[in-house]
Amino acid sequence: MEQIKMFCKKANLPSALEAQVNDFLSENETKISVKDIQFTTATTVKENSDQLVWSAMVRYEVL
């Protein structure tokens, strides 16, 4: 059965999100078959600073 896993991280660089996704993939490498990984970023504006919000969706099938 196909499933999805969502990830979200507020950071200036995508490395924190990459680490989260890679950890999930490593922990489940013998249990899942990855179909697709998509990512996006958005900018949030707070008073004096902008902040990037990185998100990713892993689409996978349970083995």
PDB file of N, CA and C in Angstrom:
ATOM      1  N   MET A   1       0.847  -1.179   0.000  1.00  0.00           N
ATOM      2  CA  MET A   1       0.000   0.000   0.000  1.00  0.00           C
ATOM      3  C   MET A   1       0.890   1.239   0.000  1.00  0.00           C
ATOM      4  N   GLU A   2       0.575   2.197  -0.843  1.00  0.00           N
ATOM      5  CA  GLU A   2       1.346   3.423  -0.943  1.00  0.00           C
ATOM      6  C   GLU A   2       0.975   4.369   0.188  1.00  0.00           C
ATOM      7  N   GLN A   3       1.999   5.017   0.759  1.00  0.00           N
ATOM      8  CA  GLN A   3       1.796   5.964   1.851  1.00  0.00           C
ATOM      9  C   GLN A   3       2.674   7.185   1.627  1.00  0.00           C
ATOM     10  N   ILE A   4       2.435   8.230   2.449  1.00  0.00           N
ATOM     11  CA  ILE A   4       3.279   9.420   2.394  1.00  0.00           C
ATOM     12  C   ILE A   4       3.760   9.771   3.797  1.00  0.00           C
ATOM     13  N   LYS A   5       4.886  10.461   3.841  1.00  0.00           N
ATOM     14  CA  LYS A   5       5.433  10.987   5.094  1.00  0.00           C
ATOM     15  C   LYS A   5       5.799  12.438   4.817  1.00  0.00           C
ATOM     16  N   MET A   6       5.311  13.343   5.665  1.00  0.00           N
ATOM     17  CA  MET A   6       5.572  14.770   5.508  1.00  0.00           C
ATOM     18  C   MET A   6       6.639  15.225   6.499  1.00  0.00           C
ATOM     19  N   PHE A   7       7.481  16.158   6.063  1.00  0.00           N
ATOM     20  CA  PHE A   7       8.515  16.747   6.901  1.00  0.00           C
ATOM     21  C   PHE A   7       8.451  18.260   6.745  1.00  0.00           C
ATOM     22  N   CYS A   8       8.778  18.987   7.807  1.00  0.00           N
ATOM     23  CA  CYS A   8       8.768  20.445   7.756  1.00  0.00           C
ATOM     24  C   CYS A   8       9.841  20.971   8.703  1.00  0.00           C
ATOM     25  N   LYS A   9      10.587  21.990   8.252  1.00  0.00           N
ATOM     26  CA  LYS A   9      11.655  22.547   9.077  1.00  0.00           C
ATOM     27  C   LYS A   9      11.806  24.033   8.767  1.00  0.00           C
ATOM     28  N   LYS A  10      11.869  24.844   9.813  1.00  0.00           N
ATOM     29  CA  LYS A  10      12.155  26.273   9.653  1.00  0.00           C
ATOM     30  C   LYS A  10      13.667  26.446   9.780  1.00  0.00           C
ATOM     31  N   ALA A  11      14.298  26.914   8.704  1.00  0.00           N
ATOM     32  CA  ALA A  11      15.752  27.075   8.712  1.00  0.00           C
ATOM     33  C   ALA A  11      16.177  27.919   7.522  1.00  0.00           C
ATOM     34  N   ASN A  12      17.377  28.477   7.606  1.00  0.00           N
ATOM     35  CA  ASN A  12      17.898  29.261   6.492  1.00  0.00           C
ATOM     36  C   ASN A  12      18.390  28.366   5.356  1.00  0.00           C
ATOM     37  N   LEU A  13      18.901  27.193   5.704  1.00  0.00           N
ATOM     38  CA  LEU A  13      19.420  26.263   4.713  1.00  0.00           C
ATOM     39  C   LEU A  13      18.654  24.941   4.790  1.00  0.00           C
ATOM     40  N   PRO A  14      18.602  24.204   3.689  1.00  0.00           N
ATOM     41  CA  PRO A  14      17.815  22.962   3.678  1.00  0.00           C
ATOM     42  C   PRO A  14      18.479  21.783   4.389  1.00  0.00           C
ATOM     43  N   SER A  15      19.681  21.948   4.899  1.00  0.00           N
ATOM     44  CA  SER A  15      20.411  20.810   5.470  1.00  0.00           C
ATOM     45  C   SER A  15      19.686  20.141   6.645  1.00  0.00           C
ATOM     46  N   ALA A  16      18.970  20.898   7.459  1.00  0.00           N
ATOM     47  CA  ALA A  16      18.232  20.301   8.579  1.00  0.00           C
ATOM     48  C   ALA A  16      17.108  19.405   8.067  1.00  0.00           C
ATOM     49  N   LEU A  17      16.413  19.846   7.037  1.00  0.00           N
ATOM     50  CA  LEU A  17      15.351  19.039   6.440  1.00  0.00           C
ATOM     51  C   LEU A  17      15.948  17.809   5.757  1.00  0.00           C
ATOM     52  N   GLU A  18      17.066  17.999   5.066  1.00  0.00           N
ATOM     53  CA  GLU A  18      17.722  16.872   4.415  1.00  0.00           C
ATOM     54  C   GLU A  18      18.090  15.799   5.432  1.00  0.00           C
ATOM     55  N   ALA A  19      18.598  16.215   6.575  1.00  0.00           N
ATOM     56  CA  ALA A  19      18.977  15.269   7.620  1.00  0.00           C
ATOM     57  C   ALA A  19      17.756  14.503   8.124  1.00  0.00           C
ATOM     58  N   GLN A  20      16.650  15.198   8.311  1.00  0.00           N
ATOM     59  CA  GLN A  20      15.408  14.550   8.763  1.00  0.00           C
ATOM     60  C   GLN A  20      14.940  13.497   7.764  1.00  0.00           C
ATOM     61  N   VAL A  21      14.914  13.850   6.493  1.00  0.00           N
ATOM     62  CA  VAL A  21      14.465  12.925   5.457  1.00  0.00           C
ATOM     63  C   VAL A  21      15.439  11.754   5.343  1.00  0.00           C
ATOM     64  N   ASN A  22      16.742  12.033   5.337  1.00  0.00           N
ATOM     65  CA  ASN A  22      17.732  10.967   5.226  1.00  0.00           C
ATOM     66  C   ASN A  22      17.685  10.018   6.419  1.00  0.00           C
ATOM     67  N   ASP A  23      17.430  10.538   7.606  1.00  0.00           N
ATOM     68  CA  ASP A  23      17.277   9.675   8.789  1.00  0.00           C
ATOM     69  C   ASP A  23      16.091   8.732   8.613  1.00  0.00           C
ATOM     70  N   PHE A  24      14.965   9.270   8.143  1.00  0.00           N
ATOM     71  CA  PHE A  24      13.778   8.446   7.903  1.00  0.00           C
ATOM     72  C   PHE A  24      14.090   7.352   6.886  1.00  0.00           C
ATOM     73  N   LEU A  25      14.764   7.725   5.803  1.00  0.00           N
ATOM     74  CA  LEU A  25      15.093   6.749   4.769  1.00  0.00           C
ATOM     75  C   LEU A  25      16.037   5.676   5.298  1.00  0.00           C
ATOM     76  N   SER A  26      17.028   6.073   6.075  1.00  0.00           N
ATOM     77  CA  SER A  26      17.986   5.115   6.645  1.00  0.00           C
ATOM     78  C   SER A  26      17.316   4.154   7.615  1.00  0.00           C
ATOM     79  N   GLU A  27      16.460   4.695   8.474  1.00  0.00           N
ATOM     80  CA  GLU A  27      15.781   3.872   9.476  1.00  0.00           C
ATOM     81  C   GLU A  27      14.824   2.864   8.842  1.00  0.00           C
ATOM     82  N   ASN A  28      14.338   3.164   7.641  1.00  0.00           N
ATOM     83  CA  ASN A  28      13.323   2.323   7.011  1.00  0.00           C
ATOM     84  C   ASN A  28      13.772   1.684   5.704  1.00  0.00           C
ATOM     85  N   GLU A  29      15.058   1.669   5.427  1.00  0.00           N
ATOM     86  CA  GLU A  29      15.523   1.227   4.117  1.00  0.00           C
ATOM     87  C   GLU A  29      15.140  -0.210   3.762  1.00  0.00           C
ATOM     88  N   THR A  30      14.989  -1.082   4.742  1.00  0.00           N
ATOM     89  CA  THR A  30      14.601  -2.466   4.445  1.00  0.00           C
ATOM     90  C   THR A  30      13.091  -2.672   4.516  1.00  0.00           C
ATOM     91  N   LYS A  31      12.355  -1.633   4.924  1.00  0.00           N
ATOM     92  CA  LYS A  31      10.913  -1.756   5.129  1.00  0.00           C
ATOM     93  C   LYS A  31      10.079  -1.066   4.056  1.00  0.00           C
ATOM     94  N   ILE A  32      10.719  -0.145   3.288  1.00  0.00           N
ATOM     95  CA  ILE A  32       9.958   0.642   2.319  1.00  0.00           C
ATOM     96  C   ILE A  32      10.657   0.692   0.964  1.00  0.00           C
ATOM     97  N   SER A  33       9.874   1.011  -0.046  1.00  0.00           N
ATOM     98  CA  SER A  33      10.383   1.286  -1.379  1.00  0.00           C
ATOM     99  C   SER A  33       9.933   2.705  -1.736  1.00  0.00           C
ATOM    100  N   VAL A  34      10.887   3.607  -1.888  1.00  0.00           N
ATOM    101  CA  VAL A  34      10.572   5.011  -2.157  1.00  0.00           C
ATOM    102  C   VAL A  34      10.123   5.179  -3.600  1.00  0.00           C
ATOM    103  N   LYS A  35       9.004   5.835  -3.785  1.00  0.00           N
ATOM    104  CA  LYS A  35       8.449   6.103  -5.110  1.00  0.00           C
ATOM    105  C   LYS A  35       8.819   7.496  -5.612  1.00  0.00           C
ATOM    106  N   ASP A  36       8.836   8.470  -4.697  1.00  0.00           N
ATOM    107  CA  ASP A  36       9.080   9.853  -5.102  1.00  0.00           C
ATOM    108  C   ASP A  36       9.377  10.688  -3.860  1.00  0.00           C
ATOM    109  N   ILE A  37      10.183  11.716  -4.034  1.00  0.00           N
ATOM    110  CA  ILE A  37      10.420  12.697  -2.975  1.00  0.00           C
ATOM    111  C   ILE A  37      10.248  14.077  -3.603  1.00  0.00           C
ATOM    112  N   GLN A  38       9.396  14.889  -2.992  1.00  0.00           N
ATOM    113  CA  GLN A  38       9.169  16.247  -3.477  1.00  0.00           C
ATOM    114  C   GLN A  38       9.457  17.225  -2.344  1.00  0.00           C
ATOM    115  N   PHE A  39       9.935  18.402  -2.705  1.00  0.00           N
ATOM    116  CA  PHE A  39      10.173  19.402  -1.675  1.00  0.00           C
ATOM    117  C   PHE A  39       9.777  20.780  -2.170  1.00  0.00           C
ATOM    118  N   THR A  40       9.590  21.663  -1.211  1.00  0.00           N
ATOM    119  CA  THR A  40       9.251  23.043  -1.532  1.00  0.00           C
ATOM    120  C   THR A  40       9.735  23.935  -0.398  1.00  0.00           C
ATOM    121  N   THR A  41       9.755  25.208  -0.659  1.00  0.00           N
ATOM    122  CA  THR A  41      10.121  26.168   0.375  1.00  0.00           C
ATOM    123  C   THR A  41       9.164  27.353   0.314  1.00  0.00           C
ATOM    124  N   ALA A  42       8.969  27.971   1.462  1.00  0.00           N
ATOM    125  CA  ALA A  42       8.126  29.159   1.548  1.00  0.00           C
ATOM    126  C   ALA A  42       8.826  30.161   2.458  1.00  0.00           C
ATOM    127  N   THR A  43       8.528  31.411   2.255  1.00  0.00           N
ATOM    128  CA  THR A  43       9.103  32.463   3.093  1.00  0.00           C
ATOM    129  C   THR A  43       8.017  33.021   3.989  1.00  0.00           C
ATOM    130  N   THR A  44       8.320  33.071   5.274  1.00  0.00           N
ATOM    131  CA  THR A  44       7.399  33.714   6.215  1.00  0.00           C
ATOM    132  C   THR A  44       8.011  35.033   6.649  1.00  0.00           C
ATOM    133  N   VAL A  45       7.185  36.014   6.816  1.00  0.00           N
ATOM    134  CA  VAL A  45       7.671  37.347   7.193  1.00  0.00           C
ATOM    135  C   VAL A  45       7.237  37.643   8.618  1.00  0.00           C
ATOM    136  N   LYS A  46       8.208  37.939   9.457  1.00  0.00           N
ATOM    137  CA  LYS A  46       7.938  38.352  10.835  1.00  0.00           C
ATOM    138  C   LYS A  46       8.647  39.677  11.057  1.00  0.00           C
ATOM    139  N   GLU A  47       7.964  40.613  11.570  1.00  0.00           N
ATOM    140  CA  GLU A  47       8.427  41.971  11.864  1.00  0.00           C
ATOM    141  C   GLU A  47       9.714  42.371  11.143  1.00  0.00           C
ATOM    142  N   ASN A  48      10.873  41.990  11.667  1.00  0.00           N
ATOM    143  CA  ASN A  48      12.133  42.462  11.085  1.00  0.00           C
ATOM    144  C   ASN A  48      12.893  41.413  10.297  1.00  0.00           C
ATOM    145  N   SER A  49      12.381  40.203  10.187  1.00  0.00           N
ATOM    146  CA  SER A  49      13.153  39.182   9.491  1.00  0.00           C
ATOM    147  C   SER A  49      12.258  38.207   8.730  1.00  0.00           C
ATOM    148  N   ASP A  50      12.811  37.689   7.677  1.00  0.00           N
ATOM    149  CA  ASP A  50      12.139  36.645   6.909  1.00  0.00           C
ATOM    150  C   ASP A  50      12.688  35.299   7.361  1.00  0.00           C
ATOM    151  N   GLN A  51      11.875  34.278   7.257  1.00  0.00           N
ATOM    152  CA  GLN A  51      12.321  32.949   7.625  1.00  0.00           C
ATOM    153  C   GLN A  51      11.862  31.967   6.551  1.00  0.00           C
ATOM    154  N   LEU A  52      12.741  31.042   6.190  1.00  0.00           N
ATOM    155  CA  LEU A  52      12.395  30.025   5.209  1.00  0.00           C
ATOM    156  C   LEU A  52      11.803  28.811   5.906  1.00  0.00           C
ATOM    157  N   VAL A  53      10.773  28.262   5.308  1.00  0.00           N
ATOM    158  CA  VAL A  53      10.172  27.030   5.795  1.00  0.00           C
ATOM    159  C   VAL A  53      10.336  26.000   4.678  1.00  0.00           C
ATOM    160  N   TRP A  54      11.111  24.968   4.942  1.00  0.00           N
ATOM    161  CA  TRP A  54      11.362  23.902   3.983  1.00  0.00           C
ATOM    162  C   TRP A  54      10.423  22.746   4.298  1.00  0.00           C
ATOM    163  N   SER A  55       9.841  22.141   3.275  1.00  0.00           N
ATOM    164  CA  SER A  55       9.003  20.970   3.512  1.00  0.00           C
ATOM    165  C   SER A  55       9.288  19.928   2.439  1.00  0.00           C
ATOM    166  N   ALA A  56       9.062  18.679   2.821  1.00  0.00           N
ATOM    167  CA  ALA A  56       9.285  17.573   1.898  1.00  0.00           C
ATOM    168  C   ALA A  56       8.198  16.533   2.107  1.00  0.00           C
ATOM    169  N   MET A  57       7.908  15.813   1.034  1.00  0.00           N
ATOM    170  CA  MET A  57       6.965  14.712   1.096  1.00  0.00           C
ATOM    171  C   MET A  57       7.635  13.505   0.456  1.00  0.00           C
ATOM    172  N   VAL A  58       7.696  12.420   1.211  1.00  0.00           N
ATOM    173  CA  VAL A  58       8.234  11.167   0.686  1.00  0.00           C
ATOM    174  C   VAL A  58       7.044  10.260   0.407  1.00  0.00           C
ATOM    175  N   ARG A  59       6.961   9.825  -0.817  1.00  0.00           N
ATOM    176  CA  ARG A  59       5.922   8.881  -1.220  1.00  0.00           C
ATOM    177  C   ARG A  59       6.584   7.520  -1.311  1.00  0.00           C
ATOM    178  N   TYR A  60       6.022   6.536  -0.591  1.00  0.00           N
ATOM    179  CA  TYR A  60       6.675   5.232  -0.523  1.00  0.00           C
ATOM    180  C   TYR A  60       5.657   4.108  -0.428  1.00  0.00           C
ATOM    181  N   GLU A  61       6.141   2.910  -0.653  1.00  0.00           N
ATOM    182  CA  GLU A  61       5.318   1.720  -0.512  1.00  0.00           C
ATOM    183  C   GLU A  61       5.933   0.834   0.572  1.00  0.00           C
ATOM    184  N   VAL A  62       5.093   0.313   1.432  1.00  0.00           N
ATOM    185  CA  VAL A  62       5.549  -0.581   2.486  1.00  0.00           C
ATOM    186  C   VAL A  62       5.819  -1.946   1.867  1.00  0.00           C
ATOM    187  N   LEU A  63       6.970  -2.514   2.177  1.00  0.00           N
ATOM    188  CA  LEU A  63       7.324  -3.832   1.623  1.00  0.00           C
ATOM    189  C   LEU A  63       6.699  -4.961   2.408  1.00  0.00           C
TER     190      LEU A  63
END
